[in-house]
Each structure stands twice: as C-alpha cells, then as structure tokens.
Amino acid sequence: MIIESNVGALHGNLLIALGTSIVSGEYPAGQVLTLDGVSAQHGMSRSVAREAIRVLESMGMVESRRRVGITIQPADKGMSLIPG
C-alpha cells in the first residue's frame, strides 16, 4: 500500500509541475517534449511520467503521438488547472 500511495503522490506532483509549466508559458505551444526528457528532468520513472502525460492529454493541454513526442497545445485548446 505504501508504494501505491507514493506513486500517486509522485504522479500528482509531476502533473502539477508540468501543468503549471504549460500554463505559465515555460513550455510554449508547439514545443515537443519526450517522455524520456520529462522523466529525467523531474527525476521520475517513465511510467509515472506517462500517467501524468495521459491526464494532461485528456485535459487537452498536450498531444502525444508515437515517433513525434508530446506536443504542447495552444492555450485555447487546453483547460485551466484552476477551476473557475
């Protein structure tokens, strides 16, 4: 059980970090990231990074495609991280 909750916390922390970077413009629309790059930059496993990317993709903030990478979507396509 401890491992599962730790993975959930890692996933949540990465999700917040990536989402904040996208919303703030640190990752501009059109920038392409790689799963390896995201996991290395944040010191997380690929599986944790993959799950965070899936959530961001479901929110419309990124688009993930094989052999292309993870493309940051324009702000008008994505949802805000802050409910309002």
C-alpha atoms as a PDB file:
ATOM      1  CA  MET A   1       0.000   0.000   0.000  1.00  0.00           C
ATOM      2  CA  ILE A   2       2.777   2.454   0.778  1.00  0.00           C
ATOM      3  CA  ILE A   3       4.213   2.005  -2.711  1.00  0.00           C
ATOM      4  CA  GLU A   4       0.855   2.731  -4.379  1.00  0.00           C
ATOM      5  CA  SER A   5       0.261   5.942  -2.417  1.00  0.00           C
ATOM      6  CA  ASN A   6       3.842   7.052  -3.098  1.00  0.00           C
ATOM      7  CA  VAL A   7       3.328   6.535  -6.830  1.00  0.00           C
ATOM      8  CA  GLY A   8       0.086   8.522  -6.618  1.00  0.00           C
ATOM      9  CA  ALA A   9       1.879  11.378  -4.885  1.00  0.00           C
ATOM     10  CA  LEU A  10       4.658  11.343  -7.482  1.00  0.00           C
ATOM     11  CA  HIS A  11       2.091  11.344 -10.277  1.00  0.00           C
ATOM     12  CA  GLY A  12       0.226  14.269  -8.706  1.00  0.00           C
ATOM     13  CA  ASN A  13       3.387  16.281  -8.121  1.00  0.00           C
ATOM     14  CA  LEU A  14       4.530  15.765 -11.702  1.00  0.00           C
ATOM     15  CA  LEU A  15       1.084  16.584 -13.049  1.00  0.00           C
ATOM     16  CA  ILE A  16       1.062  19.886 -11.154  1.00  0.00           C
ATOM     17  CA  ALA A  17       4.626  20.737 -12.196  1.00  0.00           C
ATOM     18  CA  LEU A  18       4.015  20.030 -15.890  1.00  0.00           C
ATOM     19  CA  GLY A  19       0.608  21.712 -15.928  1.00  0.00           C
ATOM     20  CA  THR A  20       1.994  24.817 -14.265  1.00  0.00           C
ATOM     21  CA  SER A  21       4.887  24.956 -16.741  1.00  0.00           C
ATOM     22  CA  ILE A  22       2.462  24.727 -19.659  1.00  0.00           C
ATOM     23  CA  VAL A  23       0.029  27.344 -18.310  1.00  0.00           C
ATOM     24  CA  SER A  24       2.847  29.760 -17.411  1.00  0.00           C
ATOM     25  CA  GLY A  25       4.331  29.530 -20.909  1.00  0.00           C
ATOM     26  CA  GLU A  26       7.565  27.875 -19.807  1.00  0.00           C
ATOM     27  CA  TYR A  27       6.614  25.220 -22.374  1.00  0.00           C
ATOM     28  CA  PRO A  28       5.169  27.240 -25.271  1.00  0.00           C
ATOM     29  CA  ALA A  29       2.540  25.899 -27.652  1.00  0.00           C
ATOM     30  CA  GLY A  30       4.117  23.723 -30.305  1.00  0.00           C
ATOM     31  CA  GLN A  31       7.111  22.676 -28.213  1.00  0.00           C
ATOM     32  CA  VAL A  32       7.742  18.962 -28.414  1.00  0.00           C
ATOM     33  CA  LEU A  33       8.856  17.061 -25.323  1.00  0.00           C
ATOM     34  CA  THR A  34       9.908  13.449 -24.993  1.00  0.00           C
ATOM     35  CA  LEU A  35       8.837  11.039 -22.288  1.00  0.00           C
ATOM     36  CA  ASP A  36      12.489  10.326 -21.510  1.00  0.00           C
ATOM     37  CA  GLY A  37      13.196  14.049 -21.210  1.00  0.00           C
ATOM     38  CA  VAL A  38      10.245  14.671 -18.900  1.00  0.00           C
ATOM     39  CA  SER A  39      11.102  11.727 -16.663  1.00  0.00           C
ATOM     40  CA  ALA A  40      14.794  12.693 -16.495  1.00  0.00           C
ATOM     41  CA  GLN A  41      14.130  16.389 -15.861  1.00  0.00           C
ATOM     42  CA  HIS A  42      11.787  15.631 -12.974  1.00  0.00           C
ATOM     43  CA  GLY A  43      13.594  12.574 -11.631  1.00  0.00           C
ATOM     44  CA  MET A  44      10.579  10.310 -12.125  1.00  0.00           C
ATOM     45  CA  SER A  45      10.132   6.933 -13.759  1.00  0.00           C
ATOM     46  CA  ARG A  46       8.762   6.700 -17.287  1.00  0.00           C
ATOM     47  CA  SER A  47       5.574   5.061 -16.004  1.00  0.00           C
ATOM     48  CA  VAL A  48       4.860   7.979 -13.631  1.00  0.00           C
ATOM     49  CA  ALA A  49       5.611  10.476 -16.422  1.00  0.00           C
ATOM     50  CA  ARG A  50       3.412   8.533 -18.854  1.00  0.00           C
ATOM     51  CA  GLU A  51       0.434   8.675 -16.476  1.00  0.00           C
ATOM     52  CA  ALA A  52       0.839  12.422 -15.937  1.00  0.00           C
ATOM     53  CA  ILE A  53       1.018  12.962 -19.709  1.00  0.00           C
ATOM     54  CA  ARG A  54      -2.180  10.926 -20.171  1.00  0.00           C
ATOM     55  CA  VAL A  55      -4.024  13.193 -17.754  1.00  0.00           C
ATOM     56  CA  LEU A  56      -2.698  16.341 -19.458  1.00  0.00           C
ATOM     57  CA  GLU A  57      -3.723  14.865 -22.805  1.00  0.00           C
ATOM     58  CA  SER A  58      -7.259  14.227 -21.524  1.00  0.00           C
ATOM     59  CA  MET A  59      -7.359  17.902 -20.489  1.00  0.00           C
ATOM     60  CA  GLY A  60      -6.324  18.992 -23.988  1.00  0.00           C
ATOM     61  CA  MET A  61      -3.056  20.539 -22.828  1.00  0.00           C
ATOM     62  CA  VAL A  62      -0.769  18.172 -24.752  1.00  0.00           C
ATOM     63  CA  GLU A  63      -0.998  15.752 -27.633  1.00  0.00           C
ATOM     64  CA  SER A  64       1.082  12.601 -27.519  1.00  0.00           C
ATOM     65  CA  ARG A  65       1.971  10.787 -30.733  1.00  0.00           C
ATOM     66  CA  ARG A  66       4.322   7.922 -31.419  1.00  0.00           C
ATOM     67  CA  ARG A  67       7.554   8.849 -33.150  1.00  0.00           C
ATOM     68  CA  VAL A  68       6.716  12.545 -32.712  1.00  0.00           C
ATOM     69  CA  GLY A  69       6.624  13.133 -28.966  1.00  0.00           C
ATOM     70  CA  ILE A  70       4.476  15.173 -26.641  1.00  0.00           C
ATOM     71  CA  THR A  71       3.357  18.405 -28.282  1.00  0.00           C
ATOM     72  CA  ILE A  72       2.214  21.309 -26.123  1.00  0.00           C
ATOM     73  CA  GLN A  73      -1.177  22.544 -27.333  1.00  0.00           C
ATOM     74  CA  PRO A  74      -2.256  26.188 -27.640  1.00  0.00           C
ATOM     75  CA  ALA A  75      -3.888  27.653 -24.519  1.00  0.00           C
ATOM     76  CA  ASP A  76      -7.299  27.896 -26.162  1.00  0.00           C
ATOM     77  CA  LYS A  77      -7.330  24.122 -26.668  1.00  0.00           C
ATOM     78  CA  GLY A  78      -6.385  23.287 -23.094  1.00  0.00           C
ATOM     79  CA  MET A  79      -8.244  23.621 -19.845  1.00  0.00           C
ATOM     80  CA  SER A  80      -7.105  25.758 -16.965  1.00  0.00           C
ATOM     81  CA  LEU A  81      -5.624  23.980 -13.971  1.00  0.00           C
ATOM     82  CA  ILE A  82      -7.577  26.309 -11.723  1.00  0.00           C
ATOM     83  CA  PRO A  83     -11.318  25.578 -11.696  1.00  0.00           C
ATOM     84  CA  GLY A  84     -13.366  28.668 -12.123  1.00  0.00           C
END
